[in-house]
Amino acid sequence: MAGWVGQPVAALDEQYLPSTIRILRPGTPVTEDFSPSRLNVDVDAAGTITGFHCG
C-alpha cells in the first residue's frame, strides 16, 4: 500500500483492495464504529493519498 502514498486517489486499483474501503477526504464525516476489515484511505484536499489505516 505504501507505493500508493503520494499518488492521486484515482490511481487506486480496486482489484487489489479489500471489499470494504472508505476514502477519507478533509472534512469527511466518519462514524465511530470499528471494522477491522475496512481499509481507510486518507486523502488530502488536492486528492493525493496521504496514508492508509484499518478500522
PDB file of N, CA and C in Angstrom:
ATOM      1  N   MET A   1       0.814  -1.179   0.000  1.00  0.00           N
ATOM      2  CA  MET A   1       0.000   0.000   0.000  1.00  0.00           C
ATOM      3  C   MET A   1       0.869   1.259   0.000  1.00  0.00           C
ATOM      4  N   ALA A   2       2.044   1.163   0.576  1.00  0.00           N
ATOM      5  CA  ALA A   2       2.906   2.343   0.685  1.00  0.00           C
ATOM      6  C   ALA A   2       3.246   2.934  -0.677  1.00  0.00           C
ATOM      7  N   GLY A   3       3.236   2.132  -1.712  1.00  0.00           N
ATOM      8  CA  GLY A   3       3.537   2.623  -3.050  1.00  0.00           C
ATOM      9  C   GLY A   3       2.497   3.593  -3.587  1.00  0.00           C
ATOM     10  N   TRP A   4       1.296   3.576  -3.003  1.00  0.00           N
ATOM     11  CA  TRP A   4       0.251   4.492  -3.451  1.00  0.00           C
ATOM     12  C   TRP A   4       0.299   5.842  -2.750  1.00  0.00           C
ATOM     13  N   VAL A   5       1.002   5.926  -1.625  1.00  0.00           N
ATOM     14  CA  VAL A   5       1.101   7.205  -0.912  1.00  0.00           C
ATOM     15  C   VAL A   5       1.805   8.216  -1.820  1.00  0.00           C
ATOM     16  N   GLY A   6       1.199   9.382  -1.968  1.00  0.00           N
ATOM     17  CA  GLY A   6       1.720  10.416  -2.853  1.00  0.00           C
ATOM     18  C   GLY A   6       1.106  10.372  -4.242  1.00  0.00           C
ATOM     19  N   GLN A   7       0.307   9.337  -4.530  1.00  0.00           N
ATOM     20  CA  GLN A   7      -0.358   9.198  -5.829  1.00  0.00           C
ATOM     21  C   GLN A   7      -1.768   9.793  -5.747  1.00  0.00           C
ATOM     22  N   PRO A   8      -2.344  10.164  -6.887  1.00  0.00           N
ATOM     23  CA  PRO A   8      -3.742  10.631  -6.866  1.00  0.00           C
ATOM     24  C   PRO A   8      -4.674   9.476  -6.494  1.00  0.00           C
ATOM     25  N   VAL A   9      -5.751   9.792  -5.804  1.00  0.00           N
ATOM     26  CA  VAL A   9      -6.688   8.760  -5.371  1.00  0.00           C
ATOM     27  C   VAL A   9      -7.231   7.973  -6.562  1.00  0.00           C
ATOM     28  N   ALA A  10      -7.305   8.588  -7.722  1.00  0.00           N
ATOM     29  CA  ALA A  10      -7.779   7.902  -8.929  1.00  0.00           C
ATOM     30  C   ALA A  10      -6.848   6.758  -9.341  1.00  0.00           C
ATOM     31  N   ALA A  11      -5.632   6.734  -8.824  1.00  0.00           N
ATOM     32  CA  ALA A  11      -4.672   5.686  -9.180  1.00  0.00           C
ATOM     33  C   ALA A  11      -4.958   4.367  -8.470  1.00  0.00           C
ATOM     34  N   LEU A  12      -5.814   4.377  -7.446  1.00  0.00           N
ATOM     35  CA  LEU A  12      -6.118   3.139  -6.728  1.00  0.00           C
ATOM     36  C   LEU A  12      -6.754   2.130  -7.675  1.00  0.00           C
ATOM     37  N   ASP A  13      -6.233   0.940  -7.656  1.00  0.00           N
ATOM     38  CA  ASP A  13      -6.785  -0.139  -8.476  1.00  0.00           C
ATOM     39  C   ASP A  13      -7.587  -1.035  -7.548  1.00  0.00           C
ATOM     40  N   GLU A  14      -8.893  -0.953  -7.634  1.00  0.00           N
ATOM     41  CA  GLU A  14      -9.760  -1.637  -6.684  1.00  0.00           C
ATOM     42  C   GLU A  14      -9.629  -3.151  -6.709  1.00  0.00           C
ATOM     43  N   GLN A  15      -9.063  -3.736  -7.747  1.00  0.00           N
ATOM     44  CA  GLN A  15      -8.911  -5.190  -7.759  1.00  0.00           C
ATOM     45  C   GLN A  15      -7.906  -5.655  -6.712  1.00  0.00           C
ATOM     46  N   TYR A  16      -7.046  -4.769  -6.234  1.00  0.00           N
ATOM     47  CA  TYR A  16      -6.057  -5.126  -5.226  1.00  0.00           C
ATOM     48  C   TYR A  16      -6.455  -4.692  -3.821  1.00  0.00           C
ATOM     49  N   LEU A  17      -7.640  -4.126  -3.669  1.00  0.00           N
ATOM     50  CA  LEU A  17      -8.089  -3.595  -2.387  1.00  0.00           C
ATOM     51  C   LEU A  17      -9.126  -4.511  -1.756  1.00  0.00           C
ATOM     52  N   PRO A  18      -9.275  -4.451  -0.427  1.00  0.00           N
ATOM     53  CA  PRO A  18     -10.343  -5.229   0.209  1.00  0.00           C
ATOM     54  C   PRO A  18     -11.710  -4.737  -0.260  1.00  0.00           C
ATOM     55  N   SER A  19     -12.720  -5.526  -0.004  1.00  0.00           N
ATOM     56  CA  SER A  19     -14.061  -5.163  -0.490  1.00  0.00           C
ATOM     57  C   SER A  19     -14.642  -3.954   0.236  1.00  0.00           C
ATOM     58  N   THR A  20     -14.173  -3.676   1.438  1.00  0.00           N
ATOM     59  CA  THR A  20     -14.688  -2.521   2.168  1.00  0.00           C
ATOM     60  C   THR A  20     -13.577  -1.491   2.343  1.00  0.00           C
ATOM     61  N   ILE A  21     -13.705  -0.412   1.589  1.00  0.00           N
ATOM     62  CA  ILE A  21     -12.759   0.697   1.733  1.00  0.00           C
ATOM     63  C   ILE A  21     -13.552   1.971   1.984  1.00  0.00           C
ATOM     64  N   ARG A  22     -12.888   2.936   2.587  1.00  0.00           N
ATOM     65  CA  ARG A  22     -13.520   4.235   2.845  1.00  0.00           C
ATOM     66  C   ARG A  22     -12.483   5.301   2.515  1.00  0.00           C
ATOM     67  N   ILE A  23     -12.842   6.194   1.598  1.00  0.00           N
ATOM     68  CA  ILE A  23     -11.975   7.303   1.217  1.00  0.00           C
ATOM     69  C   ILE A  23     -12.269   8.456   2.171  1.00  0.00           C
ATOM     70  N   LEU A  24     -11.239   8.921   2.884  1.00  0.00           N
ATOM     71  CA  LEU A  24     -11.413   9.989   3.865  1.00  0.00           C
ATOM     72  C   LEU A  24     -10.726  11.255   3.383  1.00  0.00           C
ATOM     73  N   ARG A  25     -11.534  12.167   2.875  1.00  0.00           N
ATOM     74  CA  ARG A  25     -11.041  13.477   2.444  1.00  0.00           C
ATOM     75  C   ARG A  25     -11.188  14.461   3.608  1.00  0.00           C
ATOM     76  N   PRO A  26     -10.502  15.593   3.583  1.00  0.00           N
ATOM     77  CA  PRO A  26     -10.655  16.578   4.659  1.00  0.00           C
ATOM     78  C   PRO A  26     -12.129  16.959   4.835  1.00  0.00           C
ATOM     79  N   GLY A  27     -12.590  16.929   6.065  1.00  0.00           N
ATOM     80  CA  GLY A  27     -13.966  17.296   6.363  1.00  0.00           C
ATOM     81  C   GLY A  27     -14.976  16.181   6.187  1.00  0.00           C
ATOM     82  N   THR A  28     -14.542  14.995   5.757  1.00  0.00           N
ATOM     83  CA  THR A  28     -15.463  13.878   5.586  1.00  0.00           C
ATOM     84  C   THR A  28     -15.945  13.405   6.950  1.00  0.00           C
ATOM     85  N   PRO A  29     -17.263  13.384   7.172  1.00  0.00           N
ATOM     86  CA  PRO A  29     -17.741  12.857   8.453  1.00  0.00           C
ATOM     87  C   PRO A  29     -17.532  11.339   8.497  1.00  0.00           C
ATOM     88  N   VAL A  30     -17.089  10.836   9.628  1.00  0.00           N
ATOM     89  CA  VAL A  30     -16.869   9.397   9.783  1.00  0.00           C
ATOM     90  C   VAL A  30     -17.592   8.899  11.018  1.00  0.00           C
ATOM     91  N   THR A  31     -17.989   7.650  10.979  1.00  0.00           N
ATOM     92  CA  THR A  31     -18.644   7.029  12.124  1.00  0.00           C
ATOM     93  C   THR A  31     -17.587   6.531  13.100  1.00  0.00           C
ATOM     94  N   GLU A  32     -17.994   6.286  14.322  1.00  0.00           N
ATOM     95  CA  GLU A  32     -17.085   5.807  15.360  1.00  0.00           C
ATOM     96  C   GLU A  32     -16.985   4.283  15.389  1.00  0.00           C
ATOM     97  N   ASP A  33     -17.769   3.596  14.547  1.00  0.00           N
ATOM     98  CA  ASP A  33     -17.730   2.143  14.576  1.00  0.00           C
ATOM     99  C   ASP A  33     -16.380   1.631  14.072  1.00  0.00           C
ATOM    100  N   PHE A  34     -15.916   0.539  14.645  1.00  0.00           N
ATOM    101  CA  PHE A  34     -14.641  -0.049  14.252  1.00  0.00           C
ATOM    102  C   PHE A  34     -14.911  -1.307  13.455  1.00  0.00           C
ATOM    103  N   SER A  35     -14.327  -1.380  12.280  1.00  0.00           N
ATOM    104  CA  SER A  35     -14.446  -2.556  11.426  1.00  0.00           C
ATOM    105  C   SER A  35     -13.032  -2.960  11.016  1.00  0.00           C
ATOM    106  N   PRO A  36     -12.463  -4.007  11.624  1.00  0.00           N
ATOM    107  CA  PRO A  36     -11.083  -4.371  11.347  1.00  0.00           C
ATOM    108  C   PRO A  36     -10.827  -4.752   9.892  1.00  0.00           C
ATOM    109  N   SER A  37     -11.868  -5.102   9.154  1.00  0.00           N
ATOM    110  CA  SER A  37     -11.670  -5.484   7.752  1.00  0.00           C
ATOM    111  C   SER A  37     -11.779  -4.302   6.797  1.00  0.00           C
ATOM    112  N   ARG A  38     -12.107  -3.118   7.318  1.00  0.00           N
ATOM    113  CA  ARG A  38     -12.265  -1.938   6.461  1.00  0.00           C
ATOM    114  C   ARG A  38     -10.927  -1.198   6.326  1.00  0.00           C
ATOM    115  N   LEU A  39     -10.598  -0.847   5.087  1.00  0.00           N
ATOM    116  CA  LEU A  39      -9.403  -0.061   4.813  1.00  0.00           C
ATOM    117  C   LEU A  39      -9.804   1.395   4.627  1.00  0.00           C
ATOM    118  N   ASN A  40      -9.207   2.278   5.414  1.00  0.00           N
ATOM    119  CA  ASN A  40      -9.439   3.713   5.290  1.00  0.00           C
ATOM    120  C   ASN A  40      -8.287   4.310   4.494  1.00  0.00           C
ATOM    121  N   VAL A  41      -8.629   5.101   3.497  1.00  0.00           N
ATOM    122  CA  VAL A  41      -7.639   5.760   2.657  1.00  0.00           C
ATOM    123  C   VAL A  41      -7.697   7.248   2.958  1.00  0.00           C
ATOM    124  N   ASP A  42      -6.624   7.790   3.500  1.00  0.00           N
ATOM    125  CA  ASP A  42      -6.555   9.218   3.800  1.00  0.00           C
ATOM    126  C   ASP A  42      -6.104   9.978   2.552  1.00  0.00           C
ATOM    127  N   VAL A  43      -6.858  11.018   2.206  1.00  0.00           N
ATOM    128  CA  VAL A  43      -6.610  11.805   1.001  1.00  0.00           C
ATOM    129  C   VAL A  43      -6.608  13.277   1.388  1.00  0.00           C
ATOM    130  N   ASP A  44      -5.676  14.055   0.842  1.00  0.00           N
ATOM    131  CA  ASP A  44      -5.646  15.488   1.145  1.00  0.00           C
ATOM    132  C   ASP A  44      -6.594  16.253   0.229  1.00  0.00           C
ATOM    133  N   ALA A  45      -6.665  17.562   0.408  1.00  0.00           N
ATOM    134  CA  ALA A  45      -7.591  18.404  -0.358  1.00  0.00           C
ATOM    135  C   ALA A  45      -7.321  18.378  -1.853  1.00  0.00           C
ATOM    136  N   ALA A  46      -6.098  18.069  -2.245  1.00  0.00           N
ATOM    137  CA  ALA A  46      -5.745  18.006  -3.665  1.00  0.00           C
ATOM    138  C   ALA A  46      -6.059  16.646  -4.286  1.00  0.00           C
ATOM    139  N   GLY A  47      -6.545  15.692  -3.471  1.00  0.00           N
ATOM    140  CA  GLY A  47      -6.862  14.361  -3.991  1.00  0.00           C
ATOM    141  C   GLY A  47      -5.673  13.421  -3.997  1.00  0.00           C
ATOM    142  N   THR A  48      -4.647  13.726  -3.210  1.00  0.00           N
ATOM    143  CA  THR A  48      -3.451  12.885  -3.128  1.00  0.00           C
ATOM    144  C   THR A  48      -3.546  11.983  -1.908  1.00  0.00           C
ATOM    145  N   ILE A  49      -3.215  10.709  -2.088  1.00  0.00           N
ATOM    146  CA  ILE A  49      -3.248   9.755  -0.990  1.00  0.00           C
ATOM    147  C   ILE A  49      -2.126  10.097  -0.002  1.00  0.00           C
ATOM    148  N   THR A  50      -2.498  10.222   1.274  1.00  0.00           N
ATOM    149  CA  THR A  50      -1.519  10.544   2.302  1.00  0.00           C
ATOM    150  C   THR A  50      -1.264   9.393   3.253  1.00  0.00           C
ATOM    151  N   GLY A  51      -2.123   8.377   3.241  1.00  0.00           N
ATOM    152  CA  GLY A  51      -1.905   7.238   4.123  1.00  0.00           C
ATOM    153  C   GLY A  51      -3.072   6.269   4.126  1.00  0.00           C
ATOM    154  N   PHE A  52      -2.876   5.174   4.841  1.00  0.00           N
ATOM    155  CA  PHE A  52      -3.867   4.119   4.958  1.00  0.00           C
ATOM    156  C   PHE A  52      -3.928   3.669   6.413  1.00  0.00           C
ATOM    157  N   HIS A  53      -5.098   3.240   6.871  1.00  0.00           N
ATOM    158  CA  HIS A  53      -5.227   2.590   8.167  1.00  0.00           C
ATOM    159  C   HIS A  53      -6.485   1.741   8.179  1.00  0.00           C
ATOM    160  N   CYS A  54      -6.476   0.726   9.032  1.00  0.00           N
ATOM    161  CA  CYS A  54      -7.628  -0.176   9.149  1.00  0.00           C
ATOM    162  C   CYS A  54      -8.562   0.322  10.224  1.00  0.00           C
ATOM    163  N   GLY A  55      -9.804  -0.064  10.103  1.00  0.00           N
ATOM    164  CA  GLY A  55     -10.787   0.282  11.127  1.00  0.00           C
ATOM    165  C   GLY A  55     -11.969   0.847  10.532  1.00  0.00           C
TER     166      GLY A  55
END
